[in-house]
Amino acid sequence: MHKIDPTRTDLIEEFDSNPGGPHSLELAVVVNLLRLIPMEERIIIVCTKRHAEWTLAKMPKARGDRMEYYEDMVFDDYYAAVRKVFRIRWQAATGVELG
């Protein structure tokens, strides 16, 4: 399996500047790898107020179980939530925390 190089800060900067894409091939590979994190560890974005509020949540371990919402991670900007999920998944995949 492809590994993410945690020293590639250029990819982080590229993502931050345009989280909705399109992305370079290298960044697209990284984003796709970050989407493959095991389901029980996966952090997702949930729209909690239509077009106005997004909250991060952790997927449940078993289908039908409730998601765990992070009440301290509520955003009024969708792309700010996307950037936060990218950072959380980056840390989970590389062990390196992003500021």
PDB file of N, CA and C in Angstrom:
ATOM      1  N   MET A   1       0.838  -1.188   0.000  1.00  0.00           N
ATOM      2  CA  MET A   1       0.000   0.000   0.000  1.00  0.00           C
ATOM      3  C   MET A   1       0.878   1.245   0.000  1.00  0.00           C
ATOM      4  N   HIS A   2       0.438   2.265  -0.647  1.00  0.00           N
ATOM      5  CA  HIS A   2       1.145   3.539  -0.722  1.00  0.00           C
ATOM      6  C   HIS A   2       1.159   4.209   0.639  1.00  0.00           C
ATOM      7  N   LYS A   3       2.289   4.767   1.008  1.00  0.00           N
ATOM      8  CA  LYS A   3       2.395   5.494   2.285  1.00  0.00           C
ATOM      9  C   LYS A   3       2.410   6.988   2.000  1.00  0.00           C
ATOM     10  N   ILE A   4       1.896   7.741   2.954  1.00  0.00           N
ATOM     11  CA  ILE A   4       1.894   9.195   2.843  1.00  0.00           C
ATOM     12  C   ILE A   4       3.179   9.721   3.463  1.00  0.00           C
ATOM     13  N   ASP A   5       3.885  10.547   2.723  1.00  0.00           N
ATOM     14  CA  ASP A   5       5.126  11.158   3.207  1.00  0.00           C
ATOM     15  C   ASP A   5       4.751  12.365   4.066  1.00  0.00           C
ATOM     16  N   PRO A   6       4.938  12.285   5.386  1.00  0.00           N
ATOM     17  CA  PRO A   6       4.523  13.386   6.261  1.00  0.00           C
ATOM     18  C   PRO A   6       5.329  14.670   6.074  1.00  0.00           C
ATOM     19  N   THR A   7       6.426  14.619   5.328  1.00  0.00           N
ATOM     20  CA  THR A   7       7.219  15.830   5.087  1.00  0.00           C
ATOM     21  C   THR A   7       6.705  16.637   3.897  1.00  0.00           C
ATOM     22  N   ARG A   8       5.705  16.128   3.210  1.00  0.00           N
ATOM     23  CA  ARG A   8       5.185  16.807   2.016  1.00  0.00           C
ATOM     24  C   ARG A   8       4.236  17.940   2.389  1.00  0.00           C
ATOM     25  N   THR A   9       4.781  18.969   3.014  1.00  0.00           N
ATOM     26  CA  THR A   9       3.964  20.108   3.428  1.00  0.00           C
ATOM     27  C   THR A   9       3.399  20.863   2.222  1.00  0.00           C
ATOM     28  N   ASP A  10       4.017  20.689   1.056  1.00  0.00           N
ATOM     29  CA  ASP A  10       3.494  21.323  -0.150  1.00  0.00           C
ATOM     30  C   ASP A  10       2.097  20.797  -0.478  1.00  0.00           C
ATOM     31  N   LEU A  11       1.847  19.518  -0.185  1.00  0.00           N
ATOM     32  CA  LEU A  11       0.529  18.942  -0.441  1.00  0.00           C
ATOM     33  C   LEU A  11      -0.507  19.495   0.533  1.00  0.00           C
ATOM     34  N   ILE A  12      -0.087  19.744   1.764  1.00  0.00           N
ATOM     35  CA  ILE A  12      -0.980  20.339   2.760  1.00  0.00           C
ATOM     36  C   ILE A  12      -1.349  21.754   2.325  1.00  0.00           C
ATOM     37  N   GLU A  13      -0.355  22.516   1.877  1.00  0.00           N
ATOM     38  CA  GLU A  13      -0.603  23.883   1.413  1.00  0.00           C
ATOM     39  C   GLU A  13      -1.525  23.884   0.197  1.00  0.00           C
ATOM     40  N   GLU A  14      -1.315  22.937  -0.716  1.00  0.00           N
ATOM     41  CA  GLU A  14      -2.179  22.834  -1.892  1.00  0.00           C
ATOM     42  C   GLU A  14      -3.619  22.543  -1.467  1.00  0.00           C
ATOM     43  N   PHE A  15      -3.791  21.608  -0.541  1.00  0.00           N
ATOM     44  CA  PHE A  15      -5.133  21.276  -0.080  1.00  0.00           C
ATOM     45  C   PHE A  15      -5.785  22.479   0.589  1.00  0.00           C
ATOM     46  N   ASP A  16      -5.048  23.148   1.463  1.00  0.00           N
ATOM     47  CA  ASP A  16      -5.596  24.305   2.173  1.00  0.00           C
ATOM     48  C   ASP A  16      -6.036  25.407   1.219  1.00  0.00           C
ATOM     49  N   SER A  17      -5.299  25.594   0.130  1.00  0.00           N
ATOM     50  CA  SER A  17      -5.631  26.665  -0.806  1.00  0.00           C
ATOM     51  C   SER A  17      -6.843  26.326  -1.664  1.00  0.00           C
ATOM     52  N   ASN A  18      -7.141  25.036  -1.817  1.00  0.00           N
ATOM     53  CA  ASN A  18      -8.268  24.645  -2.651  1.00  0.00           C
ATOM     54  C   ASN A  18      -8.817  23.288  -2.194  1.00  0.00           C
ATOM     55  N   PRO A  19      -9.490  23.239  -1.038  1.00  0.00           N
ATOM     56  CA  PRO A  19      -9.930  21.954  -0.499  1.00  0.00           C
ATOM     57  C   PRO A  19     -10.962  21.232  -1.360  1.00  0.00           C
ATOM     58  N   GLY A  20     -11.673  21.965  -2.186  1.00  0.00           N
ATOM     59  CA  GLY A  20     -12.685  21.352  -3.037  1.00  0.00           C
ATOM     60  C   GLY A  20     -12.145  20.815  -4.352  1.00  0.00           C
ATOM     61  N   GLY A  21     -10.851  21.042  -4.615  1.00  0.00           N
ATOM     62  CA  GLY A  21     -10.233  20.565  -5.841  1.00  0.00           C
ATOM     63  C   GLY A  21     -10.517  21.507  -6.992  1.00  0.00           C
ATOM     64  N   PRO A  22     -10.016  21.174  -8.173  1.00  0.00           N
ATOM     65  CA  PRO A  22      -9.286  19.947  -8.475  1.00  0.00           C
ATOM     66  C   PRO A  22      -7.894  19.949  -7.852  1.00  0.00           C
ATOM     67  N   HIS A  23      -7.381  18.740  -7.627  1.00  0.00           N
ATOM     68  CA  HIS A  23      -6.076  18.571  -6.991  1.00  0.00           C
ATOM     69  C   HIS A  23      -5.079  17.978  -7.980  1.00  0.00           C
ATOM     70  N   SER A  24      -3.806  18.219  -7.689  1.00  0.00           N
ATOM     71  CA  SER A  24      -2.749  17.584  -8.465  1.00  0.00           C
ATOM     72  C   SER A  24      -2.854  16.073  -8.283  1.00  0.00           C
ATOM     73  N   LEU A  25      -2.222  15.332  -9.154  1.00  0.00           N
ATOM     74  CA  LEU A  25      -2.258  13.874  -9.062  1.00  0.00           C
ATOM     75  C   LEU A  25      -1.725  13.399  -7.718  1.00  0.00           C
ATOM     76  N   GLU A  26      -0.615  13.986  -7.251  1.00  0.00           N
ATOM     77  CA  GLU A  26      -0.021  13.570  -5.971  1.00  0.00           C
ATOM     78  C   GLU A  26      -0.978  13.812  -4.813  1.00  0.00           C
ATOM     79  N   LEU A  27      -1.630  14.971  -4.787  1.00  0.00           N
ATOM     80  CA  LEU A  27      -2.571  15.266  -3.712  1.00  0.00           C
ATOM     81  C   LEU A  27      -3.815  14.392  -3.833  1.00  0.00           C
ATOM     82  N   ALA A  28      -4.275  14.142  -5.030  1.00  0.00           N
ATOM     83  CA  ALA A  28      -5.444  13.271  -5.229  1.00  0.00           C
ATOM     84  C   ALA A  28      -5.185  11.879  -4.660  1.00  0.00           C
ATOM     85  N   VAL A  29      -3.970  11.372  -4.837  1.00  0.00           N
ATOM     86  CA  VAL A  29      -3.608  10.063  -4.280  1.00  0.00           C
ATOM     87  C   VAL A  29      -3.676  10.114  -2.757  1.00  0.00           C
ATOM     88  N   VAL A  30      -3.130  11.168  -2.165  1.00  0.00           N
ATOM     89  CA  VAL A  30      -3.144  11.312  -0.704  1.00  0.00           C
ATOM     90  C   VAL A  30      -4.581  11.405  -0.194  1.00  0.00           C
ATOM     91  N   VAL A  31      -5.403  12.236  -0.822  1.00  0.00           N
ATOM     92  CA  VAL A  31      -6.801  12.387  -0.392  1.00  0.00           C
ATOM     93  C   VAL A  31      -7.526  11.045  -0.471  1.00  0.00           C
ATOM     94  N   ASN A  32      -7.302  10.306  -1.536  1.00  0.00           N
ATOM     95  CA  ASN A  32      -7.941   8.990  -1.660  1.00  0.00           C
ATOM     96  C   ASN A  32      -7.452   8.026  -0.589  1.00  0.00           C
ATOM     97  N   LEU A  33      -6.173   8.066  -0.261  1.00  0.00           N
ATOM     98  CA  LEU A  33      -5.657   7.213   0.820  1.00  0.00           C
ATOM     99  C   LEU A  33      -6.286   7.583   2.161  1.00  0.00           C
ATOM    100  N   LEU A  34      -6.468   8.876   2.396  1.00  0.00           N
ATOM    101  CA  LEU A  34      -7.070   9.315   3.648  1.00  0.00           C
ATOM    102  C   LEU A  34      -8.531   8.889   3.752  1.00  0.00           C
ATOM    103  N   ARG A  35      -9.173   8.675   2.615  1.00  0.00           N
ATOM    104  CA  ARG A  35     -10.557   8.197   2.618  1.00  0.00           C
ATOM    105  C   ARG A  35     -10.657   6.721   2.972  1.00  0.00           C
ATOM    106  N   LEU A  36      -9.526   6.015   2.952  1.00  0.00           N
ATOM    107  CA  LEU A  36      -9.515   4.579   3.206  1.00  0.00           C
ATOM    108  C   LEU A  36      -9.245   4.221   4.663  1.00  0.00           C
ATOM    109  N   ILE A  37      -9.216   5.220   5.534  1.00  0.00           N
ATOM    110  CA  ILE A  37      -9.017   4.952   6.966  1.00  0.00           C
ATOM    111  C   ILE A  37     -10.137   4.017   7.420  1.00  0.00           C
ATOM    112  N   PRO A  38      -9.844   3.040   8.282  1.00  0.00           N
ATOM    113  CA  PRO A  38     -10.890   2.103   8.727  1.00  0.00           C
ATOM    114  C   PRO A  38     -12.146   2.834   9.221  1.00  0.00           C
ATOM    115  N   MET A  39     -13.298   2.292   8.873  1.00  0.00           N
ATOM    116  CA  MET A  39     -14.581   2.943   9.149  1.00  0.00           C
ATOM    117  C   MET A  39     -14.743   3.331  10.617  1.00  0.00           C
ATOM    118  N   GLU A  40     -14.321   2.459  11.532  1.00  0.00           N
ATOM    119  CA  GLU A  40     -14.532   2.755  12.953  1.00  0.00           C
ATOM    120  C   GLU A  40     -13.633   3.877  13.462  1.00  0.00           C
ATOM    121  N   GLU A  41     -12.674   4.309  12.659  1.00  0.00           N
ATOM    122  CA  GLU A  41     -11.796   5.420  13.037  1.00  0.00           C
ATOM    123  C   GLU A  41     -12.075   6.666  12.192  1.00  0.00           C
ATOM    124  N   ARG A  42     -13.006   6.564  11.274  1.00  0.00           N
ATOM    125  CA  ARG A  42     -13.214   7.616  10.285  1.00  0.00           C
ATOM    126  C   ARG A  42     -14.004   8.788  10.855  1.00  0.00           C
ATOM    127  N   ILE A  43     -13.461   9.971  10.677  1.00  0.00           N
ATOM    128  CA  ILE A  43     -14.127  11.214  11.054  1.00  0.00           C
ATOM    129  C   ILE A  43     -14.789  11.757   9.796  1.00  0.00           C
ATOM    130  N   ILE A  44     -16.048  12.165   9.937  1.00  0.00           N
ATOM    131  CA  ILE A  44     -16.797  12.664   8.799  1.00  0.00           C
ATOM    132  C   ILE A  44     -17.423  14.016   9.134  1.00  0.00           C
ATOM    133  N   ILE A  45     -17.964  14.658   8.102  1.00  0.00           N
ATOM    134  CA  ILE A  45     -18.658  15.932   8.255  1.00  0.00           C
ATOM    135  C   ILE A  45     -20.152  15.660   8.134  1.00  0.00           C
ATOM    136  N   VAL A  46     -20.917  16.176   9.099  1.00  0.00           N
ATOM    137  CA  VAL A  46     -22.369  16.035   9.079  1.00  0.00           C
ATOM    138  C   VAL A  46     -22.967  17.439   9.032  1.00  0.00           C
ATOM    139  N   CYS A  47     -23.848  17.683   8.071  1.00  0.00           N
ATOM    140  CA  CYS A  47     -24.549  18.965   8.016  1.00  0.00           C
ATOM    141  C   CYS A  47     -25.612  18.953   9.106  1.00  0.00           C
ATOM    142  N   THR A  48     -25.461  19.818  10.100  1.00  0.00           N
ATOM    143  CA  THR A  48     -26.386  19.847  11.234  1.00  0.00           C
ATOM    144  C   THR A  48     -27.402  20.985  11.138  1.00  0.00           C
ATOM    145  N   LYS A  49     -27.140  21.954  10.279  1.00  0.00           N
ATOM    146  CA  LYS A  49     -28.110  23.003   9.944  1.00  0.00           C
ATOM    147  C   LYS A  49     -27.915  23.296   8.461  1.00  0.00           C
ATOM    148  N   ARG A  50     -28.941  23.057   7.692  1.00  0.00           N
ATOM    149  CA  ARG A  50     -28.857  23.139   6.233  1.00  0.00           C
ATOM    150  C   ARG A  50     -28.203  24.434   5.750  1.00  0.00           C
ATOM    151  N   HIS A  51     -27.124  24.257   4.999  1.00  0.00           N
ATOM    152  CA  HIS A  51     -26.358  25.360   4.401  1.00  0.00           C
ATOM    153  C   HIS A  51     -25.783  26.331   5.427  1.00  0.00           C
ATOM    154  N   ALA A  52     -25.727  25.941   6.712  1.00  0.00           N
ATOM    155  CA  ALA A  52     -25.284  26.900   7.722  1.00  0.00           C
ATOM    156  C   ALA A  52     -24.332  26.328   8.758  1.00  0.00           C
ATOM    157  N   GLU A  53     -24.411  25.012   9.031  1.00  0.00           N
ATOM    158  CA  GLU A  53     -23.593  24.465  10.116  1.00  0.00           C
ATOM    159  C   GLU A  53     -23.219  23.018   9.813  1.00  0.00           C
ATOM    160  N   TRP A  54     -21.938  22.722  10.071  1.00  0.00           N
ATOM    161  CA  TRP A  54     -21.399  21.382   9.863  1.00  0.00           C
ATOM    162  C   TRP A  54     -20.660  20.963  11.113  1.00  0.00           C
ATOM    163  N   THR A  55     -20.896  19.719  11.554  1.00  0.00           N
ATOM    164  CA  THR A  55     -20.291  19.188  12.765  1.00  0.00           C
ATOM    165  C   THR A  55     -19.506  17.927  12.415  1.00  0.00           C
ATOM    166  N   LEU A  56     -18.341  17.767  13.013  1.00  0.00           N
ATOM    167  CA  LEU A  56     -17.569  16.555  12.793  1.00  0.00           C
ATOM    168  C   LEU A  56     -18.113  15.448  13.687  1.00  0.00           C
ATOM    169  N   ALA A  57     -18.058  14.234  13.154  1.00  0.00           N
ATOM    170  CA  ALA A  57     -18.556  13.075  13.884  1.00  0.00           C
ATOM    171  C   ALA A  57     -17.679  11.872  13.562  1.00  0.00           C
ATOM    172  N   LYS A  58     -17.695  10.905  14.456  1.00  0.00           N
ATOM    173  CA  LYS A  58     -16.949   9.658  14.259  1.00  0.00           C
ATOM    174  C   LYS A  58     -17.940   8.583  13.852  1.00  0.00           C
ATOM    175  N   MET A  59     -17.600   7.850  12.806  1.00  0.00           N
ATOM    176  CA  MET A  59     -18.465   6.775  12.338  1.00  0.00           C
ATOM    177  C   MET A  59     -18.584   5.707  13.421  1.00  0.00           C
ATOM    178  N   PRO A  60     -19.753   5.075  13.524  1.00  0.00           N
ATOM    179  CA  PRO A  60     -19.919   4.017  14.526  1.00  0.00           C
ATOM    180  C   PRO A  60     -19.187   2.749  14.113  1.00  0.00           C
ATOM    181  N   LYS A  61     -18.905   1.904  15.094  1.00  0.00           N
ATOM    182  CA  LYS A  61     -18.224   0.639  14.814  1.00  0.00           C
ATOM    183  C   LYS A  61     -19.141  -0.338  14.098  1.00  0.00           C
ATOM    184  N   ALA A  62     -20.432  -0.309  14.424  1.00  0.00           N
ATOM    185  CA  ALA A  62     -21.381  -1.240  13.813  1.00  0.00           C
ATOM    186  C   ALA A  62     -22.491  -0.461  13.110  1.00  0.00           C
ATOM    187  N   ARG A  63     -22.905  -0.969  11.980  1.00  0.00           N
ATOM    188  CA  ARG A  63     -23.988  -0.352  11.236  1.00  0.00           C
ATOM    189  C   ARG A  63     -25.221  -0.231  12.134  1.00  0.00           C
ATOM    190  N   GLY A  64     -25.844   0.932  12.095  1.00  0.00           N
ATOM    191  CA  GLY A  64     -27.032   1.159  12.904  1.00  0.00           C
ATOM    192  C   GLY A  64     -26.754   1.811  14.245  1.00  0.00           C
ATOM    193  N   ASP A  65     -25.498   1.750  14.707  1.00  0.00           N
ATOM    194  CA  ASP A  65     -25.134   2.432  15.952  1.00  0.00           C
ATOM    195  C   ASP A  65     -25.075   3.933  15.697  1.00  0.00           C
ATOM    196  N   ARG A  66     -25.166   4.689  16.769  1.00  0.00           N
ATOM    197  CA  ARG A  66     -25.130   6.153  16.639  1.00  0.00           C
ATOM    198  C   ARG A  66     -23.710   6.655  16.382  1.00  0.00           C
ATOM    199  N   MET A  67     -23.652   7.740  15.643  1.00  0.00           N
ATOM    200  CA  MET A  67     -22.374   8.408  15.438  1.00  0.00           C
ATOM    201  C   MET A  67     -22.037   9.204  16.695  1.00  0.00           C
ATOM    202  N   GLU A  68     -20.751   9.401  16.910  1.00  0.00           N
ATOM    203  CA  GLU A  68     -20.278  10.215  18.034  1.00  0.00           C
ATOM    204  C   GLU A  68     -19.980  11.608  17.494  1.00  0.00           C
ATOM    205  N   TYR A  69     -20.794  12.596  17.888  1.00  0.00           N
ATOM    206  CA  TYR A  69     -20.608  13.968  17.424  1.00  0.00           C
ATOM    207  C   TYR A  69     -19.590  14.685  18.312  1.00  0.00           C
ATOM    208  N   TYR A  70     -18.779  15.519  17.695  1.00  0.00           N
ATOM    209  CA  TYR A  70     -17.805  16.330  18.422  1.00  0.00           C
ATOM    210  C   TYR A  70     -18.369  17.740  18.554  1.00  0.00           C
ATOM    211  N   GLU A  71     -18.968  18.015  19.700  1.00  0.00           N
ATOM    212  CA  GLU A  71     -19.628  19.300  19.910  1.00  0.00           C
ATOM    213  C   GLU A  71     -18.665  20.480  19.896  1.00  0.00           C
ATOM    214  N   ASP A  72     -17.375  20.198  20.074  1.00  0.00           N
ATOM    215  CA  ASP A  72     -16.379  21.265  20.027  1.00  0.00           C
ATOM    216  C   ASP A  72     -15.825  21.462  18.617  1.00  0.00           C
ATOM    217  N   MET A  73     -16.369  20.736  17.647  1.00  0.00           N
ATOM    218  CA  MET A  73     -15.927  20.870  16.257  1.00  0.00           C
ATOM    219  C   MET A  73     -17.130  21.154  15.366  1.00  0.00           C
ATOM    220  N   VAL A  74     -17.671  22.353  15.532  1.00  0.00           N
ATOM    221  CA  VAL A  74     -18.826  22.822  14.767  1.00  0.00           C
ATOM    222  C   VAL A  74     -18.352  24.002  13.919  1.00  0.00           C
ATOM    223  N   PHE A  75     -18.732  24.008  12.641  1.00  0.00           N
ATOM    224  CA  PHE A  75     -18.238  25.005  11.701  1.00  0.00           C
ATOM    225  C   PHE A  75     -19.397  25.682  10.979  1.00  0.00           C
ATOM    226  N   ASP A  76     -19.226  26.970  10.693  1.00  0.00           N
ATOM    227  CA  ASP A  76     -20.204  27.668   9.867  1.00  0.00           C
ATOM    228  C   ASP A  76     -19.699  27.825   8.436  1.00  0.00           C
ATOM    229  N   ASP A  77     -18.522  27.272   8.178  1.00  0.00           N
ATOM    230  CA  ASP A  77     -17.921  27.273   6.838  1.00  0.00           C
ATOM    231  C   ASP A  77     -17.591  25.819   6.476  1.00  0.00           C
ATOM    232  N   TYR A  78     -18.233  25.319   5.425  1.00  0.00           N
ATOM    233  CA  TYR A  78     -18.048  23.918   5.032  1.00  0.00           C
ATOM    234  C   TYR A  78     -16.579  23.594   4.781  1.00  0.00           C
ATOM    235  N   TYR A  79     -15.870  24.469   4.069  1.00  0.00           N
ATOM    236  CA  TYR A  79     -14.478  24.163   3.732  1.00  0.00           C
ATOM    237  C   TYR A  79     -13.549  24.215   4.946  1.00  0.00           C
ATOM    238  N   ALA A  80     -13.914  24.955   5.972  1.00  0.00           N
ATOM    239  CA  ALA A  80     -13.147  24.902   7.224  1.00  0.00           C
ATOM    240  C   ALA A  80     -13.291  23.516   7.845  1.00  0.00           C
ATOM    241  N   ALA A  81     -14.484  22.939   7.767  1.00  0.00           N
ATOM    242  CA  ALA A  81     -14.703  21.573   8.259  1.00  0.00           C
ATOM    243  C   ALA A  81     -13.910  20.570   7.427  1.00  0.00           C
ATOM    244  N   VAL A  82     -13.880  20.766   6.120  1.00  0.00           N
ATOM    245  CA  VAL A  82     -13.122  19.875   5.226  1.00  0.00           C
ATOM    246  C   VAL A  82     -11.636  19.923   5.577  1.00  0.00           C
ATOM    247  N   ARG A  83     -11.115  21.118   5.796  1.00  0.00           N
ATOM    248  CA  ARG A  83      -9.695  21.253   6.169  1.00  0.00           C
ATOM    249  C   ARG A  83      -9.405  20.554   7.496  1.00  0.00           C
ATOM    250  N   LYS A  84     -10.308  20.647   8.458  1.00  0.00           N
ATOM    251  CA  LYS A  84     -10.111  20.005   9.757  1.00  0.00           C
ATOM    252  C   LYS A  84     -10.112  18.485   9.621  1.00  0.00           C
ATOM    253  N   VAL A  85     -11.027  17.946   8.838  1.00  0.00           N
ATOM    254  CA  VAL A  85     -11.065  16.499   8.614  1.00  0.00           C
ATOM    255  C   VAL A  85      -9.769  16.040   7.953  1.00  0.00           C
ATOM    256  N   PHE A  86      -9.288  16.798   6.983  1.00  0.00           N
ATOM    257  CA  PHE A  86      -8.022  16.465   6.317  1.00  0.00           C
ATOM    258  C   PHE A  86      -6.903  16.368   7.344  1.00  0.00           C
ATOM    259  N   ARG A  87      -6.828  17.327   8.258  1.00  0.00           N
ATOM    260  CA  ARG A  87      -5.777  17.332   9.283  1.00  0.00           C
ATOM    261  C   ARG A  87      -5.900  16.155  10.248  1.00  0.00           C
ATOM    262  N   ILE A  88      -7.116  15.853  10.652  1.00  0.00           N
ATOM    263  CA  ILE A  88      -7.330  14.715  11.558  1.00  0.00           C
ATOM    264  C   ILE A  88      -6.925  13.413  10.879  1.00  0.00           C
ATOM    265  N   ARG A  89      -7.347  13.246   9.640  1.00  0.00           N
ATOM    266  CA  ARG A  89      -7.011  12.013   8.913  1.00  0.00           C
ATOM    267  C   ARG A  89      -5.521  11.942   8.605  1.00  0.00           C
ATOM    268  N   TRP A  90      -4.902  13.080   8.301  1.00  0.00           N
ATOM    269  CA  TRP A  90      -3.467  13.126   8.046  1.00  0.00           C
ATOM    270  C   TRP A  90      -2.717  12.610   9.281  1.00  0.00           C
ATOM    271  N   GLN A  91      -3.100  13.120  10.446  1.00  0.00           N
ATOM    272  CA  GLN A  91      -2.456  12.690  11.686  1.00  0.00           C
ATOM    273  C   GLN A  91      -2.678  11.214  11.925  1.00  0.00           C
ATOM    274  N   ALA A  92      -3.881  10.714  11.678  1.00  0.00           N
ATOM    275  CA  ALA A  92      -4.163   9.285  11.866  1.00  0.00           C
ATOM    276  C   ALA A  92      -3.306   8.422  10.932  1.00  0.00           C
ATOM    277  N   ALA A  93      -3.066   8.915   9.718  1.00  0.00           N
ATOM    278  CA  ALA A  93      -2.322   8.122   8.736  1.00  0.00           C
ATOM    279  C   ALA A  93      -0.806   8.233   8.899  1.00  0.00           C
ATOM    280  N   THR A  94      -0.333   9.406   9.367  1.00  0.00           N
ATOM    281  CA  THR A  94       1.122   9.635   9.407  1.00  0.00           C
ATOM    282  C   THR A  94       1.690   9.726  10.813  1.00  0.00           C
ATOM    283  N   GLY A  95       0.841  10.003  11.793  1.00  0.00           N
ATOM    284  CA  GLY A  95       1.322  10.212  13.153  1.00  0.00           C
ATOM    285  C   GLY A  95       1.813  11.629  13.385  1.00  0.00           C
ATOM    286  N   VAL A  96       1.703  12.479  12.370  1.00  0.00           N
ATOM    287  CA  VAL A  96       2.191  13.859  12.461  1.00  0.00           C
ATOM    288  C   VAL A  96       0.991  14.795  12.598  1.00  0.00           C
ATOM    289  N   GLU A  97       0.991  15.580  13.671  1.00  0.00           N
ATOM    290  CA  GLU A  97      -0.091  16.540  13.893  1.00  0.00           C
ATOM    291  C   GLU A  97       0.180  17.808  13.119  1.00  0.00           C
ATOM    292  N   LEU A  98      -0.833  18.283  12.422  1.00  0.00           N
ATOM    293  CA  LEU A  98      -0.728  19.541  11.682  1.00  0.00           C
ATOM    294  C   LEU A  98      -1.315  20.654  12.510  1.00  0.00           C
ATOM    295  N   GLY A  99      -0.721  21.832  12.404  1.00  0.00           N
ATOM    296  CA  GLY A  99      -1.203  22.990  13.159  1.00  0.00           C
ATOM    297  C   GLY A  99      -2.490  23.540  12.670  1.00  0.00           C
TER     298      GLY A  99
END
